[in-house]
Amino acid sequence: MALQAIRAVLRTKENCSLCHKAEGVLRRIARDVPLDLEVDQVDEDSPLAARVPIVEIGGVEAQAGKVSEFRLRNWLKERGYPDAAR
């Protein structure tokens, strides 16, 4: 049975190298897990700007700051996405 795609939101800001790396992580994971990825750029004056990148999956914050592919895959696996483990 195929799993339904889940909404993943990556909150970023302009000129953020960690954000760029986080997007790459999410795109790699999306090869194994059905993610519907949305990239949302926050304003510099937003309270979220100090915490980016922020990864939200299914409406829940999964990670913020330096995004770890290993931890994010484990997070997804714990939530019923066994294909996330590589």
PDB file of N, CA and C in Angstrom:
ATOM      1  N   MET A   1       0.839  -1.184   0.000  1.00  0.00           N
ATOM      2  CA  MET A   1       0.000   0.000   0.000  1.00  0.00           C
ATOM      3  C   MET A   1       0.888   1.253   0.000  1.00  0.00           C
ATOM      4  N   ALA A   2       0.641   2.139  -0.924  1.00  0.00           N
ATOM      5  CA  ALA A   2       1.422   3.373  -1.030  1.00  0.00           C
ATOM      6  C   ALA A   2       0.952   4.371   0.023  1.00  0.00           C
ATOM      7  N   LEU A   3       1.912   5.025   0.646  1.00  0.00           N
ATOM      8  CA  LEU A   3       1.586   6.040   1.628  1.00  0.00           C
ATOM      9  C   LEU A   3       1.243   7.336   0.924  1.00  0.00           C
ATOM     10  N   GLN A   4       0.287   8.055   1.485  1.00  0.00           N
ATOM     11  CA  GLN A   4      -0.108   9.342   0.935  1.00  0.00           C
ATOM     12  C   GLN A   4       0.990  10.366   1.208  1.00  0.00           C
ATOM     13  N   ALA A   5       1.209  11.263   0.259  1.00  0.00           N
ATOM     14  CA  ALA A   5       2.222  12.309   0.430  1.00  0.00           C
ATOM     15  C   ALA A   5       1.868  13.183   1.629  1.00  0.00           C
ATOM     16  N   ILE A   6       2.885  13.530   2.384  1.00  0.00           N
ATOM     17  CA  ILE A   6       2.682  14.414   3.520  1.00  0.00           C
ATOM     18  C   ILE A   6       3.319  15.762   3.222  1.00  0.00           C
ATOM     19  N   ARG A   7       2.700  16.787   3.746  1.00  0.00           N
ATOM     20  CA  ARG A   7       3.158  18.154   3.496  1.00  0.00           C
ATOM     21  C   ARG A   7       4.392  18.429   4.340  1.00  0.00           C
ATOM     22  N   ALA A   8       5.436  18.878   3.688  1.00  0.00           N
ATOM     23  CA  ALA A   8       6.661  19.287   4.367  1.00  0.00           C
ATOM     24  C   ALA A   8       6.919  20.742   4.017  1.00  0.00           C
ATOM     25  N   VAL A   9       7.134  21.551   5.036  1.00  0.00           N
ATOM     26  CA  VAL A   9       7.413  22.968   4.834  1.00  0.00           C
ATOM     27  C   VAL A   9       8.821  23.249   5.339  1.00  0.00           C
ATOM     28  N   LEU A  10       9.603  23.868   4.490  1.00  0.00           N
ATOM     29  CA  LEU A  10      10.941  24.310   4.872  1.00  0.00           C
ATOM     30  C   LEU A  10      10.904  25.821   4.970  1.00  0.00           C
ATOM     31  N   ARG A  11      11.089  26.334   6.176  1.00  0.00           N
ATOM     32  CA  ARG A  11      11.125  27.784   6.380  1.00  0.00           C
ATOM     33  C   ARG A  11      12.582  28.230   6.264  1.00  0.00           C
ATOM     34  N   THR A  12      12.807  29.186   5.375  1.00  0.00           N
ATOM     35  CA  THR A  12      14.154  29.640   5.055  1.00  0.00           C
ATOM     36  C   THR A  12      14.218  31.161   5.105  1.00  0.00           C
ATOM     37  N   LYS A  13      15.422  31.671   4.918  1.00  0.00           N
ATOM     38  CA  LYS A  13      15.592  33.112   4.710  1.00  0.00           C
ATOM     39  C   LYS A  13      16.644  33.285   3.627  1.00  0.00           C
ATOM     40  N   GLU A  14      16.732  34.475   3.108  1.00  0.00           N
ATOM     41  CA  GLU A  14      17.645  34.780   2.015  1.00  0.00           C
ATOM     42  C   GLU A  14      19.104  34.587   2.442  1.00  0.00           C
ATOM     43  N   ASN A  15      19.915  34.076   1.518  1.00  0.00           N
ATOM     44  CA  ASN A  15      21.353  33.894   1.739  1.00  0.00           C
ATOM     45  C   ASN A  15      21.680  33.027   2.957  1.00  0.00           C
ATOM     46  N   CYS A  16      20.965  31.931   3.094  1.00  0.00           N
ATOM     47  CA  CYS A  16      21.146  31.032   4.236  1.00  0.00           C
ATOM     48  C   CYS A  16      21.719  29.703   3.738  1.00  0.00           C
ATOM     49  N   SER A  17      22.992  29.462   4.011  1.00  0.00           N
ATOM     50  CA  SER A  17      23.619  28.222   3.528  1.00  0.00           C
ATOM     51  C   SER A  17      23.034  26.987   4.209  1.00  0.00           C
ATOM     52  N   LEU A  18      22.688  27.094   5.492  1.00  0.00           N
ATOM     53  CA  LEU A  18      22.052  25.956   6.179  1.00  0.00           C
ATOM     54  C   LEU A  18      20.699  25.635   5.553  1.00  0.00           C
ATOM     55  N   CYS A  19      19.998  26.672   5.110  1.00  0.00           N
ATOM     56  CA  CYS A  19      18.692  26.469   4.470  1.00  0.00           C
ATOM     57  C   CYS A  19      18.853  25.720   3.155  1.00  0.00           C
ATOM     58  N   HIS A  20      19.868  26.103   2.403  1.00  0.00           N
ATOM     59  CA  HIS A  20      20.142  25.454   1.120  1.00  0.00           C
ATOM     60  C   HIS A  20      20.461  23.975   1.348  1.00  0.00           C
ATOM     61  N   LYS A  21      21.272  23.682   2.354  1.00  0.00           N
ATOM     62  CA  LYS A  21      21.613  22.301   2.675  1.00  0.00           C
ATOM     63  C   LYS A  21      20.378  21.527   3.143  1.00  0.00           C
ATOM     64  N   ALA A  22      19.532  22.166   3.943  1.00  0.00           N
ATOM     65  CA  ALA A  22      18.316  21.517   4.430  1.00  0.00           C
ATOM     66  C   ALA A  22      17.388  21.155   3.273  1.00  0.00           C
ATOM     67  N   GLU A  23      17.303  22.024   2.282  1.00  0.00           N
ATOM     68  CA  GLU A  23      16.463  21.722   1.119  1.00  0.00           C
ATOM     69  C   GLU A  23      16.997  20.498   0.386  1.00  0.00           C
ATOM     70  N   GLY A  24      18.319  20.384   0.257  1.00  0.00           N
ATOM     71  CA  GLY A  24      18.915  19.206  -0.362  1.00  0.00           C
ATOM     72  C   GLY A  24      18.591  17.940   0.409  1.00  0.00           C
ATOM     73  N   VAL A  25      18.649  18.020   1.732  1.00  0.00           N
ATOM     74  CA  VAL A  25      18.297  16.875   2.587  1.00  0.00           C
ATOM     75  C   VAL A  25      16.858  16.451   2.324  1.00  0.00           C
ATOM     76  N   LEU A  26      15.954  17.409   2.320  1.00  0.00           N
ATOM     77  CA  LEU A  26      14.537  17.089   2.106  1.00  0.00           C
ATOM     78  C   LEU A  26      14.287  16.511   0.716  1.00  0.00           C
ATOM     79  N   ARG A  27      14.960  17.010  -0.278  1.00  0.00           N
ATOM     80  CA  ARG A  27      14.784  16.480  -1.637  1.00  0.00           C
ATOM     81  C   ARG A  27      15.324  15.051  -1.736  1.00  0.00           C
ATOM     82  N   ARG A  28      16.425  14.747  -1.037  1.00  0.00           N
ATOM     83  CA  ARG A  28      16.932  13.365  -1.024  1.00  0.00           C
ATOM     84  C   ARG A  28      15.948  12.439  -0.321  1.00  0.00           C
ATOM     85  N   ILE A  29      15.421  12.883   0.798  1.00  0.00           N
ATOM     86  CA  ILE A  29      14.459  12.066   1.535  1.00  0.00           C
ATOM     87  C   ILE A  29      13.199  11.854   0.704  1.00  0.00           C
ATOM     88  N   ALA A  30      12.813  12.864  -0.061  1.00  0.00           N
ATOM     89  CA  ALA A  30      11.594  12.775  -0.881  1.00  0.00           C
ATOM     90  C   ALA A  30      11.706  11.704  -1.964  1.00  0.00           C
ATOM     91  N   ARG A  31      12.901  11.222  -2.242  1.00  0.00           N
ATOM     92  CA  ARG A  31      13.051  10.106  -3.187  1.00  0.00           C
ATOM     93  C   ARG A  31      12.541   8.807  -2.581  1.00  0.00           C
ATOM     94  N   ASP A  32      12.545   8.732  -1.246  1.00  0.00           N
ATOM     95  CA  ASP A  32      12.150   7.516  -0.542  1.00  0.00           C
ATOM     96  C   ASP A  32      10.813   7.626   0.167  1.00  0.00           C
ATOM     97  N   VAL A  33      10.447   8.841   0.545  1.00  0.00           N
ATOM     98  CA  VAL A  33       9.222   9.096   1.307  1.00  0.00           C
ATOM     99  C   VAL A  33       8.389  10.108   0.528  1.00  0.00           C
ATOM    100  N   PRO A  34       7.084   9.877   0.412  1.00  0.00           N
ATOM    101  CA  PRO A  34       6.252  10.809  -0.356  1.00  0.00           C
ATOM    102  C   PRO A  34       6.052  12.144   0.370  1.00  0.00           C
ATOM    103  N   LEU A  35       6.929  13.106   0.075  1.00  0.00           N
ATOM    104  CA  LEU A  35       6.823  14.440   0.657  1.00  0.00           C
ATOM    105  C   LEU A  35       6.333  15.425  -0.387  1.00  0.00           C
ATOM    106  N   ASP A  36       5.417  16.269   0.008  1.00  0.00           N
ATOM    107  CA  ASP A  36       4.973  17.388  -0.819  1.00  0.00           C
ATOM    108  C   ASP A  36       5.665  18.618  -0.239  1.00  0.00           C
ATOM    109  N   LEU A  37       6.827  18.982  -0.809  1.00  0.00           N
ATOM    110  CA  LEU A  37       7.685  20.009  -0.235  1.00  0.00           C
ATOM    111  C   LEU A  37       7.293  21.411  -0.677  1.00  0.00           C
ATOM    112  N   GLU A  38       7.181  22.281   0.319  1.00  0.00           N
ATOM    113  CA  GLU A  38       6.928  23.705   0.100  1.00  0.00           C
ATOM    114  C   GLU A  38       8.054  24.470   0.779  1.00  0.00           C
ATOM    115  N   VAL A  39       8.632  25.428   0.083  1.00  0.00           N
ATOM    116  CA  VAL A  39       9.686  26.271   0.663  1.00  0.00           C
ATOM    117  C   VAL A  39       9.078  27.638   0.931  1.00  0.00           C
ATOM    118  N   ASP A  40       9.172  28.072   2.166  1.00  0.00           N
ATOM    119  CA  ASP A  40       8.574  29.330   2.608  1.00  0.00           C
ATOM    120  C   ASP A  40       9.670  30.239   3.152  1.00  0.00           C
ATOM    121  N   GLN A  41       9.890  31.357   2.485  1.00  0.00           N
ATOM    122  CA  GLN A  41      10.922  32.299   2.923  1.00  0.00           C
ATOM    123  C   GLN A  41      10.327  33.256   3.957  1.00  0.00           C
ATOM    124  N   VAL A  42      10.982  33.334   5.116  1.00  0.00           N
ATOM    125  CA  VAL A  42      10.518  34.227   6.169  1.00  0.00           C
ATOM    126  C   VAL A  42      11.263  35.556   6.083  1.00  0.00           C
ATOM    127  N   ASP A  43      10.637  36.600   6.568  1.00  0.00           N
ATOM    128  CA  ASP A  43      11.256  37.924   6.594  1.00  0.00           C
ATOM    129  C   ASP A  43      12.337  37.967   7.660  1.00  0.00           C
ATOM    130  N   GLU A  44      13.346  38.788   7.421  1.00  0.00           N
ATOM    131  CA  GLU A  44      14.449  38.937   8.371  1.00  0.00           C
ATOM    132  C   GLU A  44      13.974  39.400   9.747  1.00  0.00           C
ATOM    133  N   ASP A  45      12.882  40.175   9.787  1.00  0.00           N
ATOM    134  CA  ASP A  45      12.398  40.684  11.074  1.00  0.00           C
ATOM    135  C   ASP A  45      11.417  39.735  11.759  1.00  0.00           C
ATOM    136  N   SER A  46      11.164  38.596  11.152  1.00  0.00           N
ATOM    137  CA  SER A  46      10.275  37.595  11.748  1.00  0.00           C
ATOM    138  C   SER A  46      10.975  36.917  12.925  1.00  0.00           C
ATOM    139  N   PRO A  47      10.231  36.566  13.971  1.00  0.00           N
ATOM    140  CA  PRO A  47      10.823  35.829  15.085  1.00  0.00           C
ATOM    141  C   PRO A  47      11.400  34.468  14.646  1.00  0.00           C
ATOM    142  N   LEU A  48      10.905  33.947  13.542  1.00  0.00           N
ATOM    143  CA  LEU A  48      11.389  32.658  13.035  1.00  0.00           C
ATOM    144  C   LEU A  48      12.762  32.768  12.377  1.00  0.00           C
ATOM    145  N   ALA A  49      13.134  33.956  11.939  1.00  0.00           N
ATOM    146  CA  ALA A  49      14.365  34.137  11.174  1.00  0.00           C
ATOM    147  C   ALA A  49      15.606  33.656  11.924  1.00  0.00           C
ATOM    148  N   ALA A  50      15.623  33.785  13.226  1.00  0.00           N
ATOM    149  CA  ALA A  50      16.789  33.370  14.008  1.00  0.00           C
ATOM    150  C   ALA A  50      16.895  31.852  14.125  1.00  0.00           C
ATOM    151  N   ARG A  51      15.830  31.137  13.786  1.00  0.00           N
ATOM    152  CA  ARG A  51      15.809  29.678  13.957  1.00  0.00           C
ATOM    153  C   ARG A  51      15.901  28.894  12.660  1.00  0.00           C
ATOM    154  N   VAL A  52      15.905  29.574  11.519  1.00  0.00           N
ATOM    155  CA  VAL A  52      15.897  28.868  10.240  1.00  0.00           C
ATOM    156  C   VAL A  52      17.215  28.151  10.010  1.00  0.00           C
ATOM    157  N   PRO A  53      17.190  27.088   9.244  1.00  0.00           N
ATOM    158  CA  PRO A  53      16.023  26.494   8.614  1.00  0.00           C
ATOM    159  C   PRO A  53      15.145  25.764   9.633  1.00  0.00           C
ATOM    160  N   ILE A  54      13.860  25.782   9.358  1.00  0.00           N
ATOM    161  CA  ILE A  54      12.883  25.066  10.173  1.00  0.00           C
ATOM    162  C   ILE A  54      12.161  24.093   9.252  1.00  0.00           C
ATOM    163  N   VAL A  55      12.138  22.829   9.638  1.00  0.00           N
ATOM    164  CA  VAL A  55      11.452  21.802   8.864  1.00  0.00           C
ATOM    165  C   VAL A  55      10.190  21.402   9.619  1.00  0.00           C
ATOM    166  N   GLU A  56       9.052  21.568   8.965  1.00  0.00           N
ATOM    167  CA  GLU A  56       7.772  21.129   9.518  1.00  0.00           C
ATOM    168  C   GLU A  56       7.237  20.026   8.612  1.00  0.00           C
ATOM    169  N   ILE A  57       6.853  18.936   9.209  1.00  0.00           N
ATOM    170  CA  ILE A  57       6.295  17.818   8.444  1.00  0.00           C
ATOM    171  C   ILE A  57       4.960  17.447   9.051  1.00  0.00           C
ATOM    172  N   GLY A  58       3.941  17.469   8.211  1.00  0.00           N
ATOM    173  CA  GLY A  58       2.602  17.161   8.693  1.00  0.00           C
ATOM    174  C   GLY A  58       2.137  18.126   9.761  1.00  0.00           C
ATOM    175  N   GLY A  59       2.600  19.383   9.689  1.00  0.00           N
ATOM    176  CA  GLY A  59       2.185  20.404  10.643  1.00  0.00           C
ATOM    177  C   GLY A  59       2.950  20.387  11.957  1.00  0.00           C
ATOM    178  N   VAL A  60       3.964  19.518  12.066  1.00  0.00           N
ATOM    179  CA  VAL A  60       4.753  19.400  13.296  1.00  0.00           C
ATOM    180  C   VAL A  60       6.200  19.789  12.995  1.00  0.00           C
ATOM    181  N   GLU A  61       6.793  20.581  13.881  1.00  0.00           N
ATOM    182  CA  GLU A  61       8.193  20.938  13.694  1.00  0.00           C
ATOM    183  C   GLU A  61       9.056  19.704  13.931  1.00  0.00           C
ATOM    184  N   ALA A  62       9.808  19.319  12.909  1.00  0.00           N
ATOM    185  CA  ALA A  62      10.663  18.139  12.995  1.00  0.00           C
ATOM    186  C   ALA A  62      12.085  18.518  13.380  1.00  0.00           C
ATOM    187  N   GLN A  63      12.589  19.619  12.850  1.00  0.00           N
ATOM    188  CA  GLN A  63      13.937  20.083  13.150  1.00  0.00           C
ATOM    189  C   GLN A  63      14.033  21.571  12.889  1.00  0.00           C
ATOM    190  N   ALA A  64      15.007  22.188  13.545  1.00  0.00           N
ATOM    191  CA  ALA A  64      15.330  23.600  13.302  1.00  0.00           C
ATOM    192  C   ALA A  64      16.828  23.764  13.455  1.00  0.00           C
ATOM    193  N   GLY A  65      17.356  24.747  12.761  1.00  0.00           N
ATOM    194  CA  GLY A  65      18.801  24.958  12.790  1.00  0.00           C
ATOM    195  C   GLY A  65      19.477  24.020  11.814  1.00  0.00           C
ATOM    196  N   LYS A  66      20.576  23.442  12.221  1.00  0.00           N
ATOM    197  CA  LYS A  66      21.287  22.513  11.345  1.00  0.00           C
ATOM    198  C   LYS A  66      20.468  21.228  11.202  1.00  0.00           C
ATOM    199  N   VAL A  67      20.027  20.941   9.988  1.00  0.00           N
ATOM    200  CA  VAL A  67      19.162  19.784   9.719  1.00  0.00           C
ATOM    201  C   VAL A  67      20.021  18.560   9.440  1.00  0.00           C
ATOM    202  N   SER A  68      19.727  17.496  10.155  1.00  0.00           N
ATOM    203  CA  SER A  68      20.443  16.234   9.995  1.00  0.00           C
ATOM    204  C   SER A  68      19.581  15.255   9.211  1.00  0.00           C
ATOM    205  N   GLU A  69      20.116  14.775   8.094  1.00  0.00           N
ATOM    206  CA  GLU A  69      19.368  13.801   7.293  1.00  0.00           C
ATOM    207  C   GLU A  69      19.100  12.538   8.110  1.00  0.00           C
ATOM    208  N   PHE A  70      20.095  12.069   8.852  1.00  0.00           N
ATOM    209  CA  PHE A  70      19.952  10.862   9.667  1.00  0.00           C
ATOM    210  C   PHE A  70      18.831  11.028  10.694  1.00  0.00           C
ATOM    211  N   ARG A  71      18.854  12.139  11.444  1.00  0.00           N
ATOM    212  CA  ARG A  71      17.817  12.358  12.466  1.00  0.00           C
ATOM    213  C   ARG A  71      16.440  12.550  11.845  1.00  0.00           C
ATOM    214  N   LEU A  72      16.383  13.240  10.718  1.00  0.00           N
ATOM    215  CA  LEU A  72      15.096  13.470  10.074  1.00  0.00           C
ATOM    216  C   LEU A  72      14.517  12.168   9.525  1.00  0.00           C
ATOM    217  N   ARG A  73      15.361  11.316   8.962  1.00  0.00           N
ATOM    218  CA  ARG A  73      14.891  10.006   8.492  1.00  0.00           C
ATOM    219  C   ARG A  73      14.378   9.170   9.672  1.00  0.00           C
ATOM    220  N   ASN A  74      15.095   9.201  10.789  1.00  0.00           N
ATOM    221  CA  ASN A  74      14.630   8.468  11.975  1.00  0.00           C
ATOM    222  C   ASN A  74      13.322   9.032  12.499  1.00  0.00           C
ATOM    223  N   TRP A  75      13.185  10.339  12.479  1.00  0.00           N
ATOM    224  CA  TRP A  75      11.958  11.002  12.917  1.00  0.00           C
ATOM    225  C   TRP A  75      10.776  10.505  12.078  1.00  0.00           C
ATOM    226  N   LEU A  76      10.972  10.442  10.773  1.00  0.00           N
ATOM    227  CA  LEU A  76       9.922   9.965   9.872  1.00  0.00           C
ATOM    228  C   LEU A  76       9.632   8.475  10.104  1.00  0.00           C
ATOM    229  N   LYS A  77      10.673   7.692  10.281  1.00  0.00           N
ATOM    230  CA  LYS A  77      10.494   6.253  10.522  1.00  0.00           C
ATOM    231  C   LYS A  77       9.665   6.019  11.778  1.00  0.00           C
ATOM    232  N   GLU A  78       9.939   6.771  12.832  1.00  0.00           N
ATOM    233  CA  GLU A  78       9.187   6.648  14.081  1.00  0.00           C
ATOM    234  C   GLU A  78       7.719   7.013  13.909  1.00  0.00           C
ATOM    235  N   ARG A  79       7.399   7.734  12.861  1.00  0.00           N
ATOM    236  CA  ARG A  79       6.028   8.171  12.614  1.00  0.00           C
ATOM    237  C   ARG A  79       5.351   7.367  11.505  1.00  0.00           C
ATOM    238  N   GLY A  80       5.889   6.203  11.212  1.00  0.00           N
ATOM    239  CA  GLY A  80       5.206   5.307  10.291  1.00  0.00           C
ATOM    240  C   GLY A  80       5.648   5.341   8.852  1.00  0.00           C
ATOM    241  N   TYR A  81       6.814   5.912   8.588  1.00  0.00           N
ATOM    242  CA  TYR A  81       7.341   5.950   7.229  1.00  0.00           C
ATOM    243  C   TYR A  81       8.612   5.101   7.173  1.00  0.00           C
ATOM    244  N   PRO A  82       8.454   3.779   7.111  1.00  0.00           N
ATOM    245  CA  PRO A  82       9.603   2.883   7.177  1.00  0.00           C
ATOM    246  C   PRO A  82      10.597   3.073   6.031  1.00  0.00           C
ATOM    247  N   ASP A  83      10.133   3.554   4.884  1.00  0.00           N
ATOM    248  CA  ASP A  83      11.025   3.772   3.748  1.00  0.00           C
ATOM    249  C   ASP A  83      11.980   4.929   3.968  1.00  0.00           C
ATOM    250  N   ALA A  84      11.763   5.696   5.038  1.00  0.00           N
ATOM    251  CA  ALA A  84      12.645   6.830   5.338  1.00  0.00           C
ATOM    252  C   ALA A  84      14.023   6.338   5.747  1.00  0.00           C
ATOM    253  N   ALA A  85      14.086   5.175   6.395  1.00  0.00           N
ATOM    254  CA  ALA A  85      15.382   4.633   6.823  1.00  0.00           C
ATOM    255  C   ALA A  85      16.142   4.153   5.600  1.00  0.00           C
ATOM    256  N   ARG A  86      17.398   4.489   5.566  1.00  0.00           N
ATOM    257  CA  ARG A  86      18.217   4.106   4.419  1.00  0.00           C
ATOM    258  C   ARG A  86      19.369   3.265   4.828  1.00  0.00           C
TER     259      ARG A  86
END
